[in-house]
Amino acid sequence: MKQIFGILVVNRPTVLNHIASLISRRGYNIMSIAAGTCEDPRLTRITLVVDCEEETVDQIRKQLSKLVDTVHVADLTKTQAIERELALIKVKAEAKDRSALVDIANIFKAKIVSAHTSTMVIETSGNPETIDALIVLMEEHGILEITRTGVIAMAREEELTEC
């Protein structure tokens, strides 16, 4: 089951590695991990998506909290969190298919960021389910390559604003 954690850590080298190692040592699969600076340049905000059972969420949260550089850990799974992801999708785009591809992209508010004689690259952002739906529609045209950033998430409430 997909569990989402929002983690605030001290902005230092190796912190991301410590988190990834802690999760993988326990035998959990990291579905995605995204990190970046936040409102305080001394800190980094990490969104961690882990495939684990609901019963282990509290254990993972406690283990993450014990890491020296961890400032705050929140379980965002059951909150009204805002989830977003960015994806680039390269598809076959023969002349006869171009207008259909543009129409599909427009439905999903995606952008055509590159167009060549036989391919198009489509950029989209949104919740992971919406991106999955776009990918399903693009598959019939021939997907050549996909790259995704992984989920970033933020609680709608003030849960992670503690610095």
N, C-alpha and C. Protein backbone atom coordinates (compact mmCIF):
# COMPACT_ATOMS: atom_id res chain seq x y z
N MET A 1 0.84 -1.17 0.00
CA MET A 1 0.00 0.00 0.00
C MET A 1 0.90 1.25 0.00
N LYS A 2 0.52 2.24 -0.76
CA LYS A 2 1.30 3.47 -0.89
C LYS A 2 1.14 4.34 0.35
N GLN A 3 2.26 4.69 0.98
CA GLN A 3 2.27 5.58 2.13
C GLN A 3 3.16 6.78 1.80
N ILE A 4 2.70 7.98 2.14
CA ILE A 4 3.44 9.21 1.81
C ILE A 4 3.90 9.89 3.09
N PHE A 5 5.19 10.19 3.15
CA PHE A 5 5.77 10.90 4.29
C PHE A 5 6.34 12.23 3.83
N GLY A 6 6.10 13.26 4.60
CA GLY A 6 6.74 14.55 4.41
C GLY A 6 7.80 14.68 5.49
N ILE A 7 9.04 14.91 5.09
CA ILE A 7 10.15 14.91 6.04
C ILE A 7 10.92 16.22 5.89
N LEU A 8 11.18 16.86 7.00
CA LEU A 8 12.00 18.07 7.03
C LEU A 8 13.32 17.69 7.67
N VAL A 9 14.43 17.93 6.96
CA VAL A 9 15.75 17.52 7.45
C VAL A 9 16.73 18.68 7.31
N VAL A 10 17.84 18.56 8.04
CA VAL A 10 18.93 19.53 7.90
C VAL A 10 19.53 19.34 6.51
N ASN A 11 19.82 20.44 5.82
CA ASN A 11 20.33 20.41 4.45
C ASN A 11 21.83 20.10 4.48
N ARG A 12 22.17 18.81 4.44
CA ARG A 12 23.55 18.34 4.46
C ARG A 12 23.73 17.20 3.48
N PRO A 13 24.96 17.01 3.01
CA PRO A 13 25.23 15.84 2.19
C PRO A 13 24.97 14.57 3.01
N THR A 14 24.61 13.53 2.39
CA THR A 14 24.37 12.18 2.92
C THR A 14 23.02 11.99 3.62
N VAL A 15 22.26 13.04 3.90
CA VAL A 15 20.99 12.88 4.60
C VAL A 15 20.03 12.04 3.76
N LEU A 16 19.93 12.32 2.49
CA LEU A 16 19.05 11.56 1.61
C LEU A 16 19.46 10.09 1.57
N ASN A 17 20.75 9.85 1.53
CA ASN A 17 21.27 8.49 1.54
C ASN A 17 20.90 7.76 2.83
N HIS A 18 20.99 8.46 3.97
CA HIS A 18 20.63 7.84 5.25
C HIS A 18 19.16 7.42 5.26
N ILE A 19 18.31 8.28 4.73
CA ILE A 19 16.87 7.97 4.69
C ILE A 19 16.61 6.77 3.77
N ALA A 20 17.19 6.80 2.58
CA ALA A 20 17.00 5.69 1.63
C ALA A 20 17.54 4.38 2.22
N SER A 21 18.68 4.44 2.87
CA SER A 21 19.27 3.23 3.46
C SER A 21 18.40 2.69 4.59
N LEU A 22 17.87 3.57 5.42
CA LEU A 22 17.01 3.15 6.52
C LEU A 22 15.79 2.40 6.00
N ILE A 23 15.18 2.94 4.96
CA ILE A 23 13.97 2.32 4.39
C ILE A 23 14.30 0.99 3.73
N SER A 24 15.36 0.96 2.93
CA SER A 24 15.69 -0.27 2.20
C SER A 24 16.21 -1.36 3.14
N ARG A 25 16.93 -1.00 4.20
CA ARG A 25 17.40 -2.00 5.17
C ARG A 25 16.23 -2.72 5.84
N ARG A 26 15.12 -2.02 5.99
CA ARG A 26 13.94 -2.61 6.63
C ARG A 26 13.11 -3.43 5.64
N GLY A 27 13.53 -3.44 4.38
CA GLY A 27 12.86 -4.26 3.38
C GLY A 27 11.66 -3.60 2.71
N TYR A 28 11.53 -2.28 2.84
CA TYR A 28 10.42 -1.57 2.21
C TYR A 28 10.87 -1.05 0.85
N ASN A 29 9.94 -1.01 -0.09
CA ASN A 29 10.24 -0.51 -1.42
C ASN A 29 9.96 0.99 -1.50
N ILE A 30 10.94 1.77 -1.91
CA ILE A 30 10.75 3.20 -2.13
C ILE A 30 10.15 3.36 -3.52
N MET A 31 8.92 3.85 -3.58
CA MET A 31 8.25 4.08 -4.85
C MET A 31 8.75 5.37 -5.49
N SER A 32 8.96 6.40 -4.67
CA SER A 32 9.58 7.64 -5.15
C SER A 32 10.12 8.42 -3.96
N ILE A 33 11.12 9.22 -4.25
CA ILE A 33 11.71 10.09 -3.25
C ILE A 33 12.12 11.37 -3.97
N ALA A 34 11.66 12.49 -3.43
CA ALA A 34 11.97 13.79 -4.03
C ALA A 34 12.42 14.72 -2.93
N ALA A 35 13.48 15.47 -3.19
CA ALA A 35 14.03 16.37 -2.17
C ALA A 35 14.37 17.71 -2.80
N GLY A 36 14.22 18.76 -2.01
CA GLY A 36 14.59 20.09 -2.48
C GLY A 36 14.60 21.07 -1.33
N THR A 37 15.26 22.17 -1.55
CA THR A 37 15.31 23.20 -0.52
C THR A 37 13.91 23.74 -0.27
N CYS A 38 13.73 24.34 0.87
CA CYS A 38 12.41 24.86 1.22
C CYS A 38 12.54 26.31 1.68
N GLU A 39 11.57 26.78 2.44
CA GLU A 39 11.53 28.18 2.85
C GLU A 39 12.71 28.59 3.73
N ASP A 40 13.35 27.64 4.39
CA ASP A 40 14.55 27.87 5.21
C ASP A 40 15.72 27.21 4.48
N PRO A 41 16.70 27.99 4.01
CA PRO A 41 17.79 27.40 3.21
C PRO A 41 18.65 26.40 3.99
N ARG A 42 18.51 26.36 5.29
CA ARG A 42 19.28 25.39 6.09
C ARG A 42 18.60 24.02 6.10
N LEU A 43 17.38 23.95 5.56
CA LEU A 43 16.60 22.72 5.61
C LEU A 43 16.25 22.22 4.21
N THR A 44 15.96 20.94 4.12
CA THR A 44 15.49 20.30 2.89
C THR A 44 14.17 19.61 3.20
N ARG A 45 13.21 19.73 2.28
CA ARG A 45 11.94 19.04 2.43
C ARG A 45 11.96 17.83 1.50
N ILE A 46 11.67 16.68 2.06
CA ILE A 46 11.68 15.42 1.31
C ILE A 46 10.28 14.83 1.30
N THR A 47 9.85 14.39 0.13
CA THR A 47 8.62 13.61 0.02
C THR A 47 9.03 12.19 -0.30
N LEU A 48 8.63 11.28 0.57
CA LEU A 48 8.99 9.88 0.45
C LEU A 48 7.72 9.05 0.28
N VAL A 49 7.65 8.28 -0.79
CA VAL A 49 6.51 7.39 -1.02
C VAL A 49 7.03 5.96 -0.90
N VAL A 50 6.45 5.22 0.05
CA VAL A 50 6.93 3.88 0.37
C VAL A 50 5.79 2.89 0.20
N ASP A 51 6.13 1.72 -0.33
CA ASP A 51 5.17 0.63 -0.44
C ASP A 51 5.30 -0.21 0.82
N CYS A 52 4.32 -0.07 1.72
CA CYS A 52 4.35 -0.83 2.97
C CYS A 52 2.93 -0.97 3.51
N GLU A 53 2.77 -1.81 4.49
CA GLU A 53 1.46 -2.01 5.10
C GLU A 53 1.16 -0.87 6.06
N GLU A 54 -0.10 -0.58 6.23
CA GLU A 54 -0.53 0.52 7.10
C GLU A 54 -0.05 0.33 8.54
N GLU A 55 0.06 -0.92 8.98
CA GLU A 55 0.49 -1.20 10.36
C GLU A 55 1.93 -0.75 10.62
N THR A 56 2.74 -0.63 9.58
CA THR A 56 4.16 -0.28 9.77
C THR A 56 4.42 1.22 9.64
N VAL A 57 3.41 2.00 9.32
CA VAL A 57 3.61 3.43 9.09
C VAL A 57 4.17 4.12 10.32
N ASP A 58 3.60 3.85 11.48
CA ASP A 58 4.07 4.50 12.70
C ASP A 58 5.51 4.11 13.01
N GLN A 59 5.84 2.85 12.76
CA GLN A 59 7.22 2.38 12.97
C GLN A 59 8.19 3.13 12.04
N ILE A 60 7.83 3.28 10.79
CA ILE A 60 8.69 4.00 9.83
C ILE A 60 8.84 5.45 10.26
N ARG A 61 7.73 6.08 10.65
CA ARG A 61 7.78 7.48 11.08
C ARG A 61 8.72 7.63 12.28
N LYS A 62 8.63 6.73 13.23
CA LYS A 62 9.51 6.79 14.42
C LYS A 62 10.97 6.59 14.04
N GLN A 63 11.24 5.65 13.13
CA GLN A 63 12.61 5.39 12.70
C GLN A 63 13.19 6.61 11.97
N LEU A 64 12.38 7.23 11.10
CA LEU A 64 12.84 8.43 10.41
C LEU A 64 13.10 9.56 11.39
N SER A 65 12.26 9.68 12.42
CA SER A 65 12.41 10.74 13.42
C SER A 65 13.69 10.58 14.23
N LYS A 66 14.17 9.35 14.37
CA LYS A 66 15.38 9.10 15.16
C LYS A 66 16.66 9.51 14.45
N LEU A 67 16.60 9.69 13.14
CA LEU A 67 17.81 10.10 12.41
C LEU A 67 18.25 11.46 12.90
N VAL A 68 19.55 11.65 13.07
CA VAL A 68 20.12 12.86 13.67
C VAL A 68 19.68 14.13 12.95
N ASP A 69 19.66 14.10 11.64
CA ASP A 69 19.38 15.32 10.87
C ASP A 69 17.89 15.56 10.62
N THR A 70 17.02 14.71 11.15
CA THR A 70 15.58 14.88 10.95
C THR A 70 15.02 15.94 11.90
N VAL A 71 14.30 16.88 11.33
CA VAL A 71 13.65 17.94 12.11
C VAL A 71 12.19 17.57 12.38
N HIS A 72 11.50 17.04 11.37
CA HIS A 72 10.07 16.73 11.52
C HIS A 72 9.68 15.67 10.48
N VAL A 73 8.79 14.75 10.89
CA VAL A 73 8.26 13.73 9.97
C VAL A 73 6.74 13.74 10.11
N ALA A 74 6.05 13.74 8.98
CA ALA A 74 4.59 13.70 8.97
C ALA A 74 4.12 12.60 8.02
N ASP A 75 3.11 11.87 8.44
CA ASP A 75 2.46 10.89 7.58
C ASP A 75 1.37 11.64 6.82
N LEU A 76 1.56 11.82 5.53
CA LEU A 76 0.61 12.58 4.70
C LEU A 76 -0.44 11.70 4.04
N THR A 77 -0.36 10.40 4.27
CA THR A 77 -1.23 9.47 3.57
C THR A 77 -2.71 9.74 3.81
N LYS A 78 -3.08 9.98 5.05
CA LYS A 78 -4.51 10.13 5.38
C LYS A 78 -4.94 11.59 5.49
N THR A 79 -4.05 12.50 5.20
CA THR A 79 -4.41 13.91 5.25
C THR A 79 -4.96 14.33 3.89
N GLN A 80 -5.42 15.53 3.81
CA GLN A 80 -5.87 16.09 2.53
C GLN A 80 -4.65 16.69 1.83
N ALA A 81 -3.63 15.88 1.62
CA ALA A 81 -2.39 16.36 1.03
C ALA A 81 -2.57 16.66 -0.46
N ILE A 82 -1.84 17.64 -0.90
CA ILE A 82 -1.77 17.97 -2.32
C ILE A 82 -0.60 17.18 -2.89
N GLU A 83 -0.86 16.33 -3.87
CA GLU A 83 0.19 15.53 -4.51
C GLU A 83 0.36 15.99 -5.95
N ARG A 84 1.60 16.16 -6.36
CA ARG A 84 1.89 16.52 -7.74
C ARG A 84 3.12 15.76 -8.21
N GLU A 85 3.14 15.56 -9.53
CA GLU A 85 4.26 14.90 -10.17
C GLU A 85 4.42 15.52 -11.55
N LEU A 86 5.63 15.50 -12.07
CA LEU A 86 5.92 16.00 -13.41
C LEU A 86 6.35 14.81 -14.26
N ALA A 87 5.90 14.79 -15.51
CA ALA A 87 6.28 13.70 -16.42
C ALA A 87 6.58 14.26 -17.80
N LEU A 88 7.56 13.67 -18.46
CA LEU A 88 7.85 13.92 -19.87
C LEU A 88 7.59 12.60 -20.59
N ILE A 89 6.81 12.69 -21.66
CA ILE A 89 6.42 11.49 -22.41
C ILE A 89 6.77 11.71 -23.88
N LYS A 90 7.65 10.86 -24.41
CA LYS A 90 8.01 10.94 -25.84
C LYS A 90 7.18 9.89 -26.58
N VAL A 91 6.44 10.35 -27.58
CA VAL A 91 5.56 9.45 -28.34
C VAL A 91 5.88 9.54 -29.82
N LYS A 92 5.53 8.46 -30.54
CA LYS A 92 5.60 8.49 -31.99
C LYS A 92 4.55 9.49 -32.47
N ALA A 93 4.91 10.29 -33.44
CA ALA A 93 3.96 11.33 -33.90
C ALA A 93 4.06 11.48 -35.40
N GLU A 94 3.46 10.55 -36.09
CA GLU A 94 3.39 10.67 -37.54
C GLU A 94 2.40 11.77 -37.88
N ALA A 95 2.50 12.32 -39.07
CA ALA A 95 1.66 13.46 -39.47
C ALA A 95 0.17 13.20 -39.24
N LYS A 96 -0.28 12.00 -39.53
CA LYS A 96 -1.71 11.69 -39.40
C LYS A 96 -2.18 11.66 -37.94
N ASP A 97 -1.25 11.50 -36.99
CA ASP A 97 -1.61 11.39 -35.57
C ASP A 97 -1.43 12.68 -34.78
N ARG A 98 -0.79 13.66 -35.35
CA ARG A 98 -0.41 14.86 -34.60
C ARG A 98 -1.61 15.60 -33.99
N SER A 99 -2.67 15.78 -34.74
CA SER A 99 -3.80 16.54 -34.19
C SER A 99 -4.45 15.76 -33.05
N ALA A 100 -4.51 14.45 -33.14
CA ALA A 100 -5.08 13.64 -32.05
C ALA A 100 -4.21 13.75 -30.80
N LEU A 101 -2.89 13.74 -30.99
CA LEU A 101 -1.98 13.88 -29.85
C LEU A 101 -2.12 15.24 -29.18
N VAL A 102 -2.24 16.28 -29.99
CA VAL A 102 -2.43 17.64 -29.45
C VAL A 102 -3.76 17.71 -28.69
N ASP A 103 -4.81 17.11 -29.25
CA ASP A 103 -6.12 17.11 -28.58
C ASP A 103 -6.04 16.41 -27.22
N ILE A 104 -5.38 15.26 -27.17
CA ILE A 104 -5.23 14.54 -25.90
C ILE A 104 -4.44 15.38 -24.91
N ALA A 105 -3.35 15.97 -25.37
CA ALA A 105 -2.54 16.82 -24.50
C ALA A 105 -3.38 17.97 -23.94
N ASN A 106 -4.18 18.59 -24.79
CA ASN A 106 -5.02 19.70 -24.34
C ASN A 106 -6.04 19.27 -23.29
N ILE A 107 -6.62 18.10 -23.44
CA ILE A 107 -7.58 17.60 -22.46
C ILE A 107 -6.94 17.52 -21.07
N PHE A 108 -5.68 17.13 -21.03
CA PHE A 108 -4.97 16.96 -19.77
C PHE A 108 -4.18 18.22 -19.37
N LYS A 109 -4.37 19.30 -20.11
CA LYS A 109 -3.64 20.56 -19.87
C LYS A 109 -2.13 20.34 -19.90
N ALA A 110 -1.71 19.44 -20.77
CA ALA A 110 -0.29 19.14 -20.96
C ALA A 110 0.25 20.05 -22.06
N LYS A 111 1.58 20.12 -22.15
CA LYS A 111 2.23 20.97 -23.15
C LYS A 111 3.06 20.11 -24.09
N ILE A 112 3.07 20.49 -25.35
CA ILE A 112 3.99 19.89 -26.32
C ILE A 112 5.28 20.72 -26.20
N VAL A 113 6.35 20.11 -25.68
CA VAL A 113 7.59 20.85 -25.46
C VAL A 113 8.62 20.61 -26.55
N SER A 114 8.36 19.59 -27.39
CA SER A 114 9.27 19.31 -28.50
C SER A 114 8.49 18.55 -29.56
N ALA A 115 8.66 18.96 -30.81
CA ALA A 115 8.01 18.27 -31.92
C ALA A 115 9.01 18.13 -33.06
N HIS A 116 9.14 16.91 -33.55
CA HIS A 116 10.03 16.61 -34.67
C HIS A 116 9.23 15.86 -35.71
N THR A 117 9.88 15.45 -36.77
CA THR A 117 9.15 14.81 -37.86
C THR A 117 8.47 13.52 -37.46
N SER A 118 9.03 12.80 -36.50
CA SER A 118 8.42 11.51 -36.14
C SER A 118 8.11 11.35 -34.66
N THR A 119 8.41 12.37 -33.84
CA THR A 119 8.16 12.26 -32.40
C THR A 119 7.65 13.58 -31.82
N MET A 120 7.03 13.47 -30.66
CA MET A 120 6.64 14.63 -29.85
C MET A 120 7.00 14.31 -28.42
N VAL A 121 7.37 15.35 -27.67
CA VAL A 121 7.57 15.20 -26.23
C VAL A 121 6.50 16.04 -25.55
N ILE A 122 5.77 15.39 -24.66
CA ILE A 122 4.66 16.03 -23.95
C ILE A 122 5.06 16.16 -22.49
N GLU A 123 4.86 17.36 -21.95
CA GLU A 123 5.12 17.63 -20.53
C GLU A 123 3.78 17.76 -19.82
N THR A 124 3.66 17.08 -18.70
CA THR A 124 2.43 17.18 -17.92
C THR A 124 2.76 17.16 -16.44
N SER A 125 1.91 17.78 -15.66
CA SER A 125 2.04 17.71 -14.21
C SER A 125 0.65 17.55 -13.62
N GLY A 126 0.60 16.94 -12.48
CA GLY A 126 -0.67 16.71 -11.81
C GLY A 126 -0.54 15.58 -10.82
N ASN A 127 -1.68 15.08 -10.36
CA ASN A 127 -1.59 13.95 -9.44
C ASN A 127 -1.21 12.71 -10.24
N PRO A 128 -0.60 11.73 -9.58
CA PRO A 128 -0.10 10.55 -10.30
C PRO A 128 -1.18 9.81 -11.09
N GLU A 129 -2.40 9.78 -10.60
CA GLU A 129 -3.47 9.08 -11.30
C GLU A 129 -3.80 9.75 -12.63
N THR A 130 -3.76 11.07 -12.66
CA THR A 130 -4.03 11.80 -13.91
C THR A 130 -2.93 11.53 -14.93
N ILE A 131 -1.70 11.51 -14.47
CA ILE A 131 -0.58 11.21 -15.37
C ILE A 131 -0.70 9.78 -15.90
N ASP A 132 -1.07 8.85 -15.03
CA ASP A 132 -1.28 7.47 -15.48
C ASP A 132 -2.35 7.40 -16.57
N ALA A 133 -3.43 8.17 -16.40
CA ALA A 133 -4.52 8.18 -17.39
C ALA A 133 -4.03 8.72 -18.73
N LEU A 134 -3.21 9.77 -18.70
CA LEU A 134 -2.65 10.32 -19.94
C LEU A 134 -1.75 9.28 -20.62
N ILE A 135 -0.96 8.59 -19.85
CA ILE A 135 -0.06 7.57 -20.40
C ILE A 135 -0.86 6.47 -21.09
N VAL A 136 -1.96 6.05 -20.49
CA VAL A 136 -2.81 5.01 -21.10
C VAL A 136 -3.28 5.46 -22.48
N LEU A 137 -3.72 6.72 -22.59
CA LEU A 137 -4.19 7.22 -23.90
C LEU A 137 -3.05 7.36 -24.91
N MET A 138 -1.86 7.68 -24.43
CA MET A 138 -0.72 7.84 -25.32
C MET A 138 -0.17 6.50 -25.81
N GLU A 139 -0.41 5.44 -25.05
CA GLU A 139 0.14 4.12 -25.41
C GLU A 139 -0.32 3.67 -26.79
N GLU A 140 -1.55 3.99 -27.18
CA GLU A 140 -2.03 3.55 -28.49
C GLU A 140 -1.30 4.24 -29.64
N HIS A 141 -0.62 5.35 -29.34
CA HIS A 141 0.16 6.05 -30.37
C HIS A 141 1.62 5.60 -30.39
N GLY A 142 2.04 4.89 -29.36
CA GLY A 142 3.40 4.39 -29.30
C GLY A 142 4.30 5.25 -28.43
N ILE A 143 4.41 4.90 -27.18
CA ILE A 143 5.31 5.62 -26.26
C ILE A 143 6.72 5.12 -26.48
N LEU A 144 7.64 6.04 -26.67
CA LEU A 144 9.04 5.70 -26.86
C LEU A 144 9.84 5.82 -25.57
N GLU A 145 9.43 6.77 -24.72
CA GLU A 145 10.19 7.02 -23.50
C GLU A 145 9.31 7.79 -22.52
N ILE A 146 9.46 7.49 -21.23
CA ILE A 146 8.77 8.23 -20.17
C ILE A 146 9.78 8.50 -19.06
N THR A 147 9.74 9.69 -18.52
CA THR A 147 10.47 9.98 -17.30
C THR A 147 9.55 10.75 -16.37
N ARG A 148 9.58 10.36 -15.09
CA ARG A 148 8.71 10.98 -14.09
C ARG A 148 9.55 11.43 -12.90
N THR A 149 9.15 12.53 -12.29
CA THR A 149 9.91 13.07 -11.17
C THR A 149 9.69 12.33 -9.88
N GLY A 150 8.57 11.68 -9.73
CA GLY A 150 8.18 11.15 -8.43
C GLY A 150 7.28 12.19 -7.76
N VAL A 151 6.56 11.76 -6.78
CA VAL A 151 5.57 12.60 -6.13
C VAL A 151 6.22 13.61 -5.20
N ILE A 152 5.70 14.83 -5.23
CA ILE A 152 5.95 15.79 -4.16
C ILE A 152 4.59 16.05 -3.52
N ALA A 153 4.59 16.26 -2.22
CA ALA A 153 3.31 16.43 -1.52
C ALA A 153 3.44 17.46 -0.43
N MET A 154 2.31 18.09 -0.11
CA MET A 154 2.25 19.07 0.96
C MET A 154 0.88 18.99 1.61
N ALA A 155 0.88 19.02 2.94
CA ALA A 155 -0.39 19.00 3.66
C ALA A 155 -1.11 20.32 3.42
N ARG A 156 -2.42 20.26 3.31
CA ARG A 156 -3.21 21.50 3.16
C ARG A 156 -3.23 22.25 4.48
N GLU A 157 -3.15 21.53 5.59
CA GLU A 157 -3.16 22.19 6.89
C GLU A 157 -1.76 22.71 7.21
N GLU A 158 -1.57 23.13 8.43
CA GLU A 158 -0.29 23.70 8.86
C GLU A 158 0.66 22.64 9.41
N GLU A 159 0.41 21.38 9.10
CA GLU A 159 1.16 20.29 9.70
C GLU A 159 2.67 20.36 9.52
N LEU A 160 3.16 20.72 8.34
CA LEU A 160 4.60 20.70 8.10
C LEU A 160 5.26 22.06 8.19
N THR A 161 4.58 23.05 8.69
CA THR A 161 5.17 24.39 8.73
C THR A 161 6.04 24.59 9.97
N GLU A 162 6.18 23.54 10.79
CA GLU A 162 7.01 23.65 11.99
C GLU A 162 8.47 23.56 11.59
N CYS A 163 9.21 24.64 11.72
CA CYS A 163 10.64 24.61 11.40
C CYS A 163 11.46 24.91 12.64
